[in-house]
C-alpha cells in the first residue's frame, strides 16, 4: 500500500497532467462534431481489425466443417449431373434419379502394392453397399469392395484385380481398363480394336455398359499406343486424371436400377449346356 502511495506522490504531476488532458480531450470531442467523427472512425477501425482477426481464426478452425458442407453440395450437383438426360440437366429431385450420390472422405490409401485399397469414412449406416462406384471431382477412383457400419474399403484403379469397361470419348470404341502394377500415374485400356482411331491426348471415359458408373465419367488421356502381338488389339497407356497418391473427398454412387438390370441380363442369357 505504501508503495502505491509513494508512486502516486512521485508521479502526481504527470498523473494530474494526464487526467486533465483526458478531460480536455473528452470535452473537445463532445463539443466538436469533426473531432467526434474522427474518434468514432478510429475506434471503429480498431474494432473492425480485431473482429477481422478473430473471424480469421474462427474460419480456420471451421474449415473442416465447411469442406464437409461443400462435399455435400457437390454430391447434390453430381446427383443432378449423373441423372441428366441428353445434354440438359435433370430438374427432378436427386431421389428420383437413377443414381444416388453419397459424399465421403478417404482416411487410408495404399498405392505401393500390386493390390491397392482405400478406406473411407462411410459405411452401411450411410447407405453404402458393395460394388458401388467411387469417383472424385476429377474422375474414377474405384469401387466398393467391403463395408462395415461406419467404413468401407475400395478397390483402387491401382489394383491388378480392377476391371472397368471404358471407351474413347470421341469415337465410342470400347476396351477394358486395367492396371499393370507399374506406375501410380497410369492405367491401361486393353482389347481396343485395331480399326479404332487412337491419338495421344484423346480422352478416356466410362462406357455405357457399366452398371456401377454412369456413362462418360472421366478417367484420363491416352499417353502411348501399343499393339498386343498375341491378340492384335491395341493396348493404351492412360494418364489418369486423378493423382491416386493424394485423395481427399470422394463421391460414392449407387445405381438404383442395377439389380433390376442384372436380373434381366441373367434371365436373358441362357445357361451353359
C-alpha atoms as a PDB file:
ATOM      1  CA  UNK A   1       0.000   0.000   0.000  1.00  0.00           C
ATOM      2  CA  UNK A   2       2.804   2.343   0.937  1.00  0.00           C
ATOM      3  CA  UNK A   3       4.458   1.662  -2.453  1.00  0.00           C
ATOM      4  CA  UNK A   4       1.293   2.729  -4.264  1.00  0.00           C
ATOM      5  CA  UNK A   5       1.109   5.928  -2.237  1.00  0.00           C
ATOM      6  CA  UNK A   6       4.781   6.656  -2.940  1.00  0.00           C
ATOM      7  CA  UNK A   7       4.231   6.044  -6.668  1.00  0.00           C
ATOM      8  CA  UNK A   8       1.230   8.398  -6.783  1.00  0.00           C
ATOM      9  CA  UNK A   9       3.129  11.057  -4.838  1.00  0.00           C
ATOM     10  CA  UNK A  10       6.253  10.862  -7.042  1.00  0.00           C
ATOM     11  CA  UNK A  11       4.210  10.941 -10.260  1.00  0.00           C
ATOM     12  CA  UNK A  12       1.444  13.252  -9.090  1.00  0.00           C
ATOM     13  CA  UNK A  13       2.271  15.989 -11.598  1.00  0.00           C
ATOM     14  CA  UNK A  14       2.365  13.570 -14.538  1.00  0.00           C
ATOM     15  CA  UNK A  15      -0.833  11.819 -13.474  1.00  0.00           C
ATOM     16  CA  UNK A  16      -2.584  15.193 -12.970  1.00  0.00           C
ATOM     17  CA  UNK A  17      -1.468  16.244 -16.460  1.00  0.00           C
ATOM     18  CA  UNK A  18      -2.815  13.046 -17.993  1.00  0.00           C
ATOM     19  CA  UNK A  19      -6.102  13.410 -16.130  1.00  0.00           C
ATOM     20  CA  UNK A  20      -6.571  16.983 -17.290  1.00  0.00           C
ATOM     21  CA  UNK A  21      -5.552  16.031 -20.832  1.00  0.00           C
ATOM     22  CA  UNK A  22      -8.165  13.272 -20.871  1.00  0.00           C
ATOM     23  CA  UNK A  23     -10.859  15.620 -19.575  1.00  0.00           C
ATOM     24  CA  UNK A  24      -9.981  18.266 -22.149  1.00  0.00           C
ATOM     25  CA  UNK A  25      -9.982  15.761 -24.973  1.00  0.00           C
ATOM     26  CA  UNK A  26     -13.357  14.456 -23.827  1.00  0.00           C
ATOM     27  CA  UNK A  27     -14.823  17.993 -23.812  1.00  0.00           C
ATOM     28  CA  UNK A  28     -13.287  18.719 -27.213  1.00  0.00           C
ATOM     29  CA  UNK A  29     -14.689  15.529 -28.780  1.00  0.00           C
ATOM     30  CA  UNK A  30     -18.159  16.062 -27.314  1.00  0.00           C
ATOM     31  CA  UNK A  31     -18.371  19.723 -28.372  1.00  0.00           C
ATOM     32  CA  UNK A  32     -16.954  19.378 -31.919  1.00  0.00           C
ATOM     33  CA  UNK A  33     -18.634  17.159 -34.491  1.00  0.00           C
ATOM     34  CA  UNK A  34     -15.455  16.739 -36.572  1.00  0.00           C
ATOM     35  CA  UNK A  35     -13.358  15.503 -33.653  1.00  0.00           C
ATOM     36  CA  UNK A  36     -16.170  13.221 -32.510  1.00  0.00           C
ATOM     37  CA  UNK A  37     -16.483  11.755 -36.015  1.00  0.00           C
ATOM     38  CA  UNK A  38     -12.751  11.135 -36.330  1.00  0.00           C
ATOM     39  CA  UNK A  39     -12.625   9.450 -32.924  1.00  0.00           C
ATOM     40  CA  UNK A  40     -15.538   7.147 -33.723  1.00  0.00           C
ATOM     41  CA  UNK A  41     -13.988   6.292 -37.077  1.00  0.00           C
ATOM     42  CA  UNK A  42     -10.663   5.395 -35.472  1.00  0.00           C
ATOM     43  CA  UNK A  43     -12.379   3.314 -32.807  1.00  0.00           C
ATOM     44  CA  UNK A  44     -14.371   1.501 -35.467  1.00  0.00           C
ATOM     45  CA  UNK A  45     -11.207   0.819 -37.435  1.00  0.00           C
ATOM     46  CA  UNK A  46      -9.522  -0.743 -34.411  1.00  0.00           C
ATOM     47  CA  UNK A  47     -12.614  -2.738 -33.519  1.00  0.00           C
ATOM     48  CA  UNK A  48     -13.027  -3.888 -37.120  1.00  0.00           C
ATOM     49  CA  UNK A  49      -9.407  -5.035 -37.274  1.00  0.00           C
ATOM     50  CA  UNK A  50      -9.760  -7.016 -34.043  1.00  0.00           C
ATOM     51  CA  UNK A  51     -13.008  -8.625 -35.196  1.00  0.00           C
ATOM     52  CA  UNK A  52     -11.410  -9.406 -38.560  1.00  0.00           C
ATOM     53  CA  UNK A  53      -8.526 -11.247 -36.923  1.00  0.00           C
ATOM     54  CA  UNK A  54     -10.910 -13.152 -34.651  1.00  0.00           C
ATOM     55  CA  UNK A  55     -13.004 -14.093 -37.697  1.00  0.00           C
ATOM     56  CA  UNK A  56      -9.921 -15.432 -39.498  1.00  0.00           C
ATOM     57  CA  UNK A  57      -9.147 -17.680 -36.535  1.00  0.00           C
ATOM     58  CA  UNK A  58     -12.758 -18.908 -36.371  1.00  0.00           C
ATOM     59  CA  UNK A  59     -12.751 -19.578 -40.127  1.00  0.00           C
ATOM     60  CA  UNK A  60      -9.532 -21.601 -39.836  1.00  0.00           C
ATOM     61  CA  UNK A  61     -10.996 -23.867 -37.160  1.00  0.00           C
ATOM     62  CA  UNK A  62     -14.246 -24.268 -39.121  1.00  0.00           C
ATOM     63  CA  UNK A  63     -12.550 -25.314 -42.390  1.00  0.00           C
ATOM     64  CA  UNK A  64     -13.288 -28.994 -41.807  1.00  0.00           C
ATOM     65  CA  UNK A  65     -16.988 -28.310 -41.331  1.00  0.00           C
ATOM     66  CA  UNK A  66     -17.081 -26.037 -44.387  1.00  0.00           C
ATOM     67  CA  UNK A  67     -15.323 -28.663 -46.506  1.00  0.00           C
ATOM     68  CA  UNK A  68     -17.919 -31.226 -45.460  1.00  0.00           C
ATOM     69  CA  UNK A  69     -20.702 -28.816 -46.452  1.00  0.00           C
ATOM     70  CA  UNK A  70     -19.051 -28.274 -49.844  1.00  0.00           C
ATOM     71  CA  UNK A  71     -18.740 -32.029 -50.326  1.00  0.00           C
ATOM     72  CA  UNK A  72     -22.462 -32.431 -49.615  1.00  0.00           C
ATOM     73  CA  UNK A  73     -23.318 -29.645 -52.051  1.00  0.00           C
ATOM     74  CA  UNK A  74     -21.082 -31.209 -54.703  1.00  0.00           C
ATOM     75  CA  UNK A  75     -22.804 -34.544 -54.133  1.00  0.00           C
ATOM     76  CA  UNK A  76     -26.150 -32.875 -54.841  1.00  0.00           C
ATOM     77  CA  UNK A  77     -24.786 -31.338 -58.051  1.00  0.00           C
ATOM     78  CA  UNK A  78     -23.302 -34.667 -59.132  1.00  0.00           C
ATOM     79  CA  UNK A  79     -26.657 -36.290 -58.452  1.00  0.00           C
ATOM     80  CA  UNK A  80     -28.169 -33.922 -60.985  1.00  0.00           C
ATOM     81  CA  UNK A  81     -25.297 -34.378 -63.443  1.00  0.00           C
ATOM     82  CA  UNK A  82     -25.258 -38.188 -63.357  1.00  0.00           C
ATOM     83  CA  UNK A  83     -29.015 -38.318 -63.812  1.00  0.00           C
ATOM     84  CA  UNK A  84     -29.127 -35.903 -66.740  1.00  0.00           C
ATOM     85  CA  UNK A  85     -30.865 -36.794 -69.990  1.00  0.00           C
ATOM     86  CA  UNK A  86     -29.004 -35.925 -73.170  1.00  0.00           C
ATOM     87  CA  UNK A  87     -27.253 -32.580 -72.589  1.00  0.00           C
ATOM     88  CA  UNK A  88     -29.841 -30.961 -70.337  1.00  0.00           C
ATOM     89  CA  UNK A  89     -29.543 -31.253 -66.560  1.00  0.00           C
ATOM     90  CA  UNK A  90     -32.476 -33.042 -64.997  1.00  0.00           C
ATOM     91  CA  UNK A  91     -34.719 -30.839 -62.887  1.00  0.00           C
ATOM     92  CA  UNK A  92     -36.215 -33.686 -60.897  1.00  0.00           C
ATOM     93  CA  UNK A  93     -35.126 -34.152 -57.261  1.00  0.00           C
ATOM     94  CA  UNK A  94     -31.988 -36.354 -56.869  1.00  0.00           C
ATOM     95  CA  UNK A  95     -34.027 -39.021 -55.076  1.00  0.00           C
ATOM     96  CA  UNK A  96     -35.995 -39.630 -58.297  1.00  0.00           C
ATOM     97  CA  UNK A  97     -32.942 -40.166 -60.496  1.00  0.00           C
ATOM     98  CA  UNK A  98     -31.231 -43.442 -61.311  1.00  0.00           C
ATOM     99  CA  UNK A  99     -28.039 -42.586 -59.391  1.00  0.00           C
ATOM    100  CA  UNK A 100     -27.776 -41.707 -55.726  1.00  0.00           C
ATOM    101  CA  UNK A 101     -24.578 -39.896 -54.655  1.00  0.00           C
ATOM    102  CA  UNK A 102     -23.087 -40.122 -51.144  1.00  0.00           C
ATOM    103  CA  UNK A 103     -20.163 -37.845 -50.160  1.00  0.00           C
ATOM    104  CA  UNK A 104     -17.277 -39.301 -48.156  1.00  0.00           C
ATOM    105  CA  UNK A 105     -13.600 -38.895 -47.328  1.00  0.00           C
ATOM    106  CA  UNK A 106     -10.532 -41.091 -47.796  1.00  0.00           C
ATOM    107  CA  UNK A 107      -8.924 -41.925 -44.447  1.00  0.00           C
ATOM    108  CA  UNK A 108      -6.371 -44.505 -45.660  1.00  0.00           C
ATOM    109  CA  UNK A 109      -4.776 -45.069 -49.052  1.00  0.00           C
ATOM    110  CA  UNK A 110      -2.284 -47.667 -50.293  1.00  0.00           C
ATOM    111  CA  UNK A 111      -0.624 -47.219 -53.687  1.00  0.00           C
ATOM    112  CA  UNK A 112       2.744 -49.030 -53.493  1.00  0.00           C
ATOM    113  CA  UNK A 113       1.410 -52.595 -53.692  1.00  0.00           C
ATOM    114  CA  UNK A 114       0.118 -54.719 -56.555  1.00  0.00           C
ATOM    115  CA  UNK A 115      -3.367 -54.796 -54.998  1.00  0.00           C
ATOM    116  CA  UNK A 116      -4.103 -51.366 -53.528  1.00  0.00           C
ATOM    117  CA  UNK A 117      -7.118 -50.340 -51.478  1.00  0.00           C
ATOM    118  CA  UNK A 118      -8.569 -47.180 -49.987  1.00  0.00           C
ATOM    119  CA  UNK A 119     -10.597 -46.827 -46.790  1.00  0.00           C
ATOM    120  CA  UNK A 120     -13.352 -44.211 -46.500  1.00  0.00           C
ATOM    121  CA  UNK A 121     -15.432 -42.891 -43.606  1.00  0.00           C
ATOM    122  CA  UNK A 122     -18.805 -44.088 -44.927  1.00  0.00           C
ATOM    123  CA  UNK A 123     -20.468 -47.467 -44.439  1.00  0.00           C
ATOM    124  CA  UNK A 124     -23.743 -49.325 -44.400  1.00  0.00           C
ATOM    125  CA  UNK A 125     -25.224 -46.812 -41.966  1.00  0.00           C
ATOM    126  CA  UNK A 126     -24.803 -44.206 -44.723  1.00  0.00           C
ATOM    127  CA  UNK A 127     -26.312 -46.430 -47.420  1.00  0.00           C
ATOM    128  CA  UNK A 128     -23.019 -47.698 -48.865  1.00  0.00           C
ATOM    129  CA  UNK A 129     -23.042 -51.191 -50.400  1.00  0.00           C
ATOM    130  CA  UNK A 130     -20.560 -53.428 -52.185  1.00  0.00           C
ATOM    131  CA  UNK A 131     -19.855 -52.717 -55.864  1.00  0.00           C
ATOM    132  CA  UNK A 132     -20.841 -49.054 -55.737  1.00  0.00           C
ATOM    133  CA  UNK A 133     -18.700 -46.808 -57.920  1.00  0.00           C
ATOM    134  CA  UNK A 134     -16.418 -44.196 -56.358  1.00  0.00           C
ATOM    135  CA  UNK A 135     -15.220 -41.009 -58.054  1.00  0.00           C
ATOM    136  CA  UNK A 136     -13.581 -37.703 -57.148  1.00  0.00           C
ATOM    137  CA  UNK A 137     -14.135 -34.316 -58.736  1.00  0.00           C
ATOM    138  CA  UNK A 138     -11.580 -35.387 -61.397  1.00  0.00           C
ATOM    139  CA  UNK A 139     -12.875 -38.835 -62.272  1.00  0.00           C
ATOM    140  CA  UNK A 140     -12.910 -42.562 -61.476  1.00  0.00           C
ATOM    141  CA  UNK A 141     -11.201 -43.836 -58.293  1.00  0.00           C
ATOM    142  CA  UNK A 142     -12.506 -47.398 -57.897  1.00  0.00           C
ATOM    143  CA  UNK A 143     -15.464 -49.325 -56.485  1.00  0.00           C
ATOM    144  CA  UNK A 144     -16.580 -50.529 -53.068  1.00  0.00           C
ATOM    145  CA  UNK A 145     -15.127 -53.892 -52.000  1.00  0.00           C
ATOM    146  CA  UNK A 146     -16.202 -54.388 -48.358  1.00  0.00           C
ATOM    147  CA  UNK A 147     -18.355 -52.429 -45.895  1.00  0.00           C
ATOM    148  CA  UNK A 148     -18.891 -52.118 -42.153  1.00  0.00           C
ATOM    149  CA  UNK A 149     -21.359 -49.910 -40.315  1.00  0.00           C
ATOM    150  CA  UNK A 150     -19.219 -46.785 -40.487  1.00  0.00           C
ATOM    151  CA  UNK A 151     -16.463 -47.530 -43.026  1.00  0.00           C
ATOM    152  CA  UNK A 152     -15.805 -49.098 -46.421  1.00  0.00           C
ATOM    153  CA  UNK A 153     -12.832 -50.284 -48.449  1.00  0.00           C
ATOM    154  CA  UNK A 154     -12.387 -49.502 -52.140  1.00  0.00           C
ATOM    155  CA  UNK A 155     -10.622 -51.473 -54.853  1.00  0.00           C
ATOM    156  CA  UNK A 156      -8.456 -48.735 -56.317  1.00  0.00           C
ATOM    157  CA  UNK A 157      -7.793 -48.218 -60.013  1.00  0.00           C
ATOM    158  CA  UNK A 158      -4.247 -49.109 -58.907  1.00  0.00           C
ATOM    159  CA  UNK A 159      -5.196 -52.710 -58.190  1.00  0.00           C
ATOM    160  CA  UNK A 160      -4.360 -55.566 -60.560  1.00  0.00           C
ATOM    161  CA  UNK A 161      -7.830 -57.035 -59.903  1.00  0.00           C
ATOM    162  CA  UNK A 162      -9.538 -53.825 -61.063  1.00  0.00           C
ATOM    163  CA  UNK A 163     -11.624 -54.091 -64.239  1.00  0.00           C
ATOM    164  CA  UNK A 164     -13.877 -51.469 -65.816  1.00  0.00           C
ATOM    165  CA  UNK A 165     -15.466 -51.045 -69.233  1.00  0.00           C
ATOM    166  CA  UNK A 166     -14.245 -47.767 -70.740  1.00  0.00           C
ATOM    167  CA  UNK A 167     -14.243 -46.084 -74.126  1.00  0.00           C
ATOM    168  CA  UNK A 168     -12.506 -43.472 -76.254  1.00  0.00           C
ATOM    169  CA  UNK A 169     -14.778 -40.476 -75.892  1.00  0.00           C
ATOM    170  CA  UNK A 170     -14.522 -39.150 -79.458  1.00  0.00           C
ATOM    171  CA  UNK A 171     -15.452 -42.389 -81.254  1.00  0.00           C
ATOM    172  CA  UNK A 172     -17.015 -44.703 -78.618  1.00  0.00           C
ATOM    173  CA  UNK A 173     -14.594 -47.588 -79.256  1.00  0.00           C
ATOM    174  CA  UNK A 174     -14.524 -49.768 -76.144  1.00  0.00           C
ATOM    175  CA  UNK A 175     -11.874 -51.547 -74.150  1.00  0.00           C
ATOM    176  CA  UNK A 176     -11.263 -52.763 -70.592  1.00  0.00           C
ATOM    177  CA  UNK A 177      -9.480 -50.554 -68.085  1.00  0.00           C
ATOM    178  CA  UNK A 178      -6.863 -52.446 -66.051  1.00  0.00           C
ATOM    179  CA  UNK A 179      -3.592 -51.721 -64.221  1.00  0.00           C
ATOM    180  CA  UNK A 180      -0.283 -53.417 -64.959  1.00  0.00           C
ATOM    181  CA  UNK A 181       1.135 -52.732 -61.477  1.00  0.00           C
ATOM    182  CA  UNK A 182       3.918 -50.416 -62.630  1.00  0.00           C
ATOM    183  CA  UNK A 183       3.159 -46.666 -62.380  1.00  0.00           C
ATOM    184  CA  UNK A 184       0.750 -44.903 -59.994  1.00  0.00           C
ATOM    185  CA  UNK A 185       0.023 -42.299 -62.669  1.00  0.00           C
ATOM    186  CA  UNK A 186      -1.083 -44.625 -65.463  1.00  0.00           C
ATOM    187  CA  UNK A 187      -3.629 -47.375 -66.133  1.00  0.00           C
ATOM    188  CA  UNK A 188      -4.092 -49.450 -69.287  1.00  0.00           C
ATOM    189  CA  UNK A 189      -7.008 -49.745 -71.685  1.00  0.00           C
ATOM    190  CA  UNK A 190      -6.721 -53.186 -73.296  1.00  0.00           C
ATOM    191  CA  UNK A 191      -8.543 -55.012 -76.098  1.00  0.00           C
ATOM    192  CA  UNK A 192      -9.223 -51.871 -78.115  1.00  0.00           C
ATOM    193  CA  UNK A 193      -9.972 -52.906 -81.727  1.00  0.00           C
ATOM    194  CA  UNK A 194      -7.373 -52.021 -84.366  1.00  0.00           C
ATOM    195  CA  UNK A 195      -9.954 -50.232 -86.512  1.00  0.00           C
ATOM    196  CA  UNK A 196     -10.297 -47.587 -83.795  1.00  0.00           C
ATOM    197  CA  UNK A 197      -8.636 -44.228 -84.417  1.00  0.00           C
ATOM    198  CA  UNK A 198      -6.432 -43.561 -81.399  1.00  0.00           C
ATOM    199  CA  UNK A 199      -4.312 -40.449 -80.872  1.00  0.00           C
ATOM    200  CA  UNK A 200      -2.202 -39.326 -77.934  1.00  0.00           C
ATOM    201  CA  UNK A 201      -4.250 -36.918 -75.827  1.00  0.00           C
ATOM    202  CA  UNK A 202      -7.647 -38.476 -76.597  1.00  0.00           C
ATOM    203  CA  UNK A 203      -9.909 -38.632 -73.543  1.00  0.00           C
ATOM    204  CA  UNK A 204     -10.971 -41.956 -71.994  1.00  0.00           C
ATOM    205  CA  UNK A 205     -14.294 -42.148 -70.118  1.00  0.00           C
ATOM    206  CA  UNK A 206     -16.575 -44.789 -68.624  1.00  0.00           C
ATOM    207  CA  UNK A 207     -18.732 -46.774 -71.023  1.00  0.00           C
ATOM    208  CA  UNK A 208     -22.483 -47.180 -71.218  1.00  0.00           C
ATOM    209  CA  UNK A 209     -22.452 -50.907 -70.376  1.00  0.00           C
ATOM    210  CA  UNK A 210     -21.352 -50.333 -66.766  1.00  0.00           C
ATOM    211  CA  UNK A 211     -23.991 -50.725 -64.060  1.00  0.00           C
ATOM    212  CA  UNK A 212     -21.593 -49.268 -61.478  1.00  0.00           C
ATOM    213  CA  UNK A 213     -20.690 -45.927 -63.058  1.00  0.00           C
ATOM    214  CA  UNK A 214     -22.716 -43.521 -65.169  1.00  0.00           C
ATOM    215  CA  UNK A 215     -21.527 -43.145 -68.746  1.00  0.00           C
ATOM    216  CA  UNK A 216     -18.852 -40.570 -69.625  1.00  0.00           C
ATOM    217  CA  UNK A 217     -17.189 -40.221 -66.217  1.00  0.00           C
ATOM    218  CA  UNK A 218     -13.604 -39.004 -66.928  1.00  0.00           C
ATOM    219  CA  UNK A 219     -10.702 -41.425 -66.454  1.00  0.00           C
ATOM    220  CA  UNK A 220      -7.684 -39.970 -68.232  1.00  0.00           C
ATOM    221  CA  UNK A 221      -5.993 -39.333 -71.579  1.00  0.00           C
ATOM    222  CA  UNK A 222      -4.081 -41.576 -73.983  1.00  0.00           C
ATOM    223  CA  UNK A 223      -0.327 -41.341 -73.447  1.00  0.00           C
ATOM    224  CA  UNK A 224       1.050 -44.256 -75.524  1.00  0.00           C
ATOM    225  CA  UNK A 225      -0.326 -46.786 -78.009  1.00  0.00           C
ATOM    226  CA  UNK A 226       0.865 -50.401 -78.329  1.00  0.00           C
ATOM    227  CA  UNK A 227      -0.204 -53.394 -80.385  1.00  0.00           C
ATOM    228  CA  UNK A 228      -0.613 -56.608 -78.416  1.00  0.00           C
ATOM    229  CA  UNK A 229       1.115 -59.248 -80.554  1.00  0.00           C
ATOM    230  CA  UNK A 230      -0.984 -62.053 -79.039  1.00  0.00           C
ATOM    231  CA  UNK A 231      -4.418 -60.510 -79.594  1.00  0.00           C
ATOM    232  CA  UNK A 232      -3.596 -57.986 -82.343  1.00  0.00           C
ATOM    233  CA  UNK A 233      -5.604 -55.417 -80.397  1.00  0.00           C
ATOM    234  CA  UNK A 234      -4.449 -52.042 -79.129  1.00  0.00           C
ATOM    235  CA  UNK A 235      -3.238 -51.568 -75.576  1.00  0.00           C
ATOM    236  CA  UNK A 236      -3.275 -47.918 -74.488  1.00  0.00           C
ATOM    237  CA  UNK A 237      -1.379 -46.311 -71.629  1.00  0.00           C
ATOM    238  CA  UNK A 238      -3.821 -43.920 -69.939  1.00  0.00           C
ATOM    239  CA  UNK A 239      -2.561 -40.960 -67.925  1.00  0.00           C
ATOM    240  CA  UNK A 240      -5.051 -40.781 -65.044  1.00  0.00           C
ATOM    241  CA  UNK A 241      -6.768 -37.502 -64.228  1.00  0.00           C
ATOM    242  CA  UNK A 242      -6.662 -38.385 -60.516  1.00  0.00           C
ATOM    243  CA  UNK A 243      -3.460 -38.292 -58.504  1.00  0.00           C
ATOM    244  CA  UNK A 244      -4.117 -41.631 -56.857  1.00  0.00           C
ATOM    245  CA  UNK A 245      -1.462 -40.958 -54.207  1.00  0.00           C
ATOM    246  CA  UNK A 246      -3.275 -37.890 -52.876  1.00  0.00           C
ATOM    247  CA  UNK A 247      -7.030 -38.271 -52.414  1.00  0.00           C
ATOM    248  CA  UNK A 248      -9.412 -36.436 -50.088  1.00  0.00           C
ATOM    249  CA  UNK A 249     -13.158 -36.040 -50.552  1.00  0.00           C
ATOM    250  CA  UNK A 250     -14.847 -38.608 -52.791  1.00  0.00           C
ATOM    251  CA  UNK A 251     -18.347 -39.499 -54.016  1.00  0.00           C
ATOM    252  CA  UNK A 252     -19.958 -42.936 -53.843  1.00  0.00           C
ATOM    253  CA  UNK A 253     -22.586 -43.699 -56.481  1.00  0.00           C
ATOM    254  CA  UNK A 254     -25.442 -46.156 -56.277  1.00  0.00           C
ATOM    255  CA  UNK A 255     -27.232 -47.216 -59.448  1.00  0.00           C
ATOM    256  CA  UNK A 256     -30.695 -47.855 -58.058  1.00  0.00           C
ATOM    257  CA  UNK A 257     -31.624 -49.859 -61.179  1.00  0.00           C
ATOM    258  CA  UNK A 258     -28.537 -52.096 -61.057  1.00  0.00           C
ATOM    259  CA  UNK A 259     -30.220 -55.133 -59.504  1.00  0.00           C
ATOM    260  CA  UNK A 260     -33.102 -54.971 -61.971  1.00  0.00           C
ATOM    261  CA  UNK A 261     -30.686 -54.734 -64.927  1.00  0.00           C
ATOM    262  CA  UNK A 262     -28.598 -57.681 -63.666  1.00  0.00           C
ATOM    263  CA  UNK A 263     -31.665 -59.856 -63.113  1.00  0.00           C
ATOM    264  CA  UNK A 264     -32.892 -59.104 -66.630  1.00  0.00           C
ATOM    265  CA  UNK A 265     -29.482 -59.882 -68.145  1.00  0.00           C
ATOM    266  CA  UNK A 266     -29.218 -63.158 -66.231  1.00  0.00           C
ATOM    267  CA  UNK A 267     -32.701 -64.189 -67.333  1.00  0.00           C
ATOM    268  CA  UNK A 268     -31.903 -63.302 -70.953  1.00  0.00           C
ATOM    269  CA  UNK A 269     -28.614 -65.207 -71.271  1.00  0.00           C
ATOM    270  CA  UNK A 270     -29.297 -68.980 -71.388  1.00  0.00           C
ATOM    271  CA  UNK A 271     -27.259 -71.190 -69.027  1.00  0.00           C
ATOM    272  CA  UNK A 272     -24.315 -73.078 -70.454  1.00  0.00           C
ATOM    273  CA  UNK A 273     -25.216 -76.579 -71.520  1.00  0.00           C
END
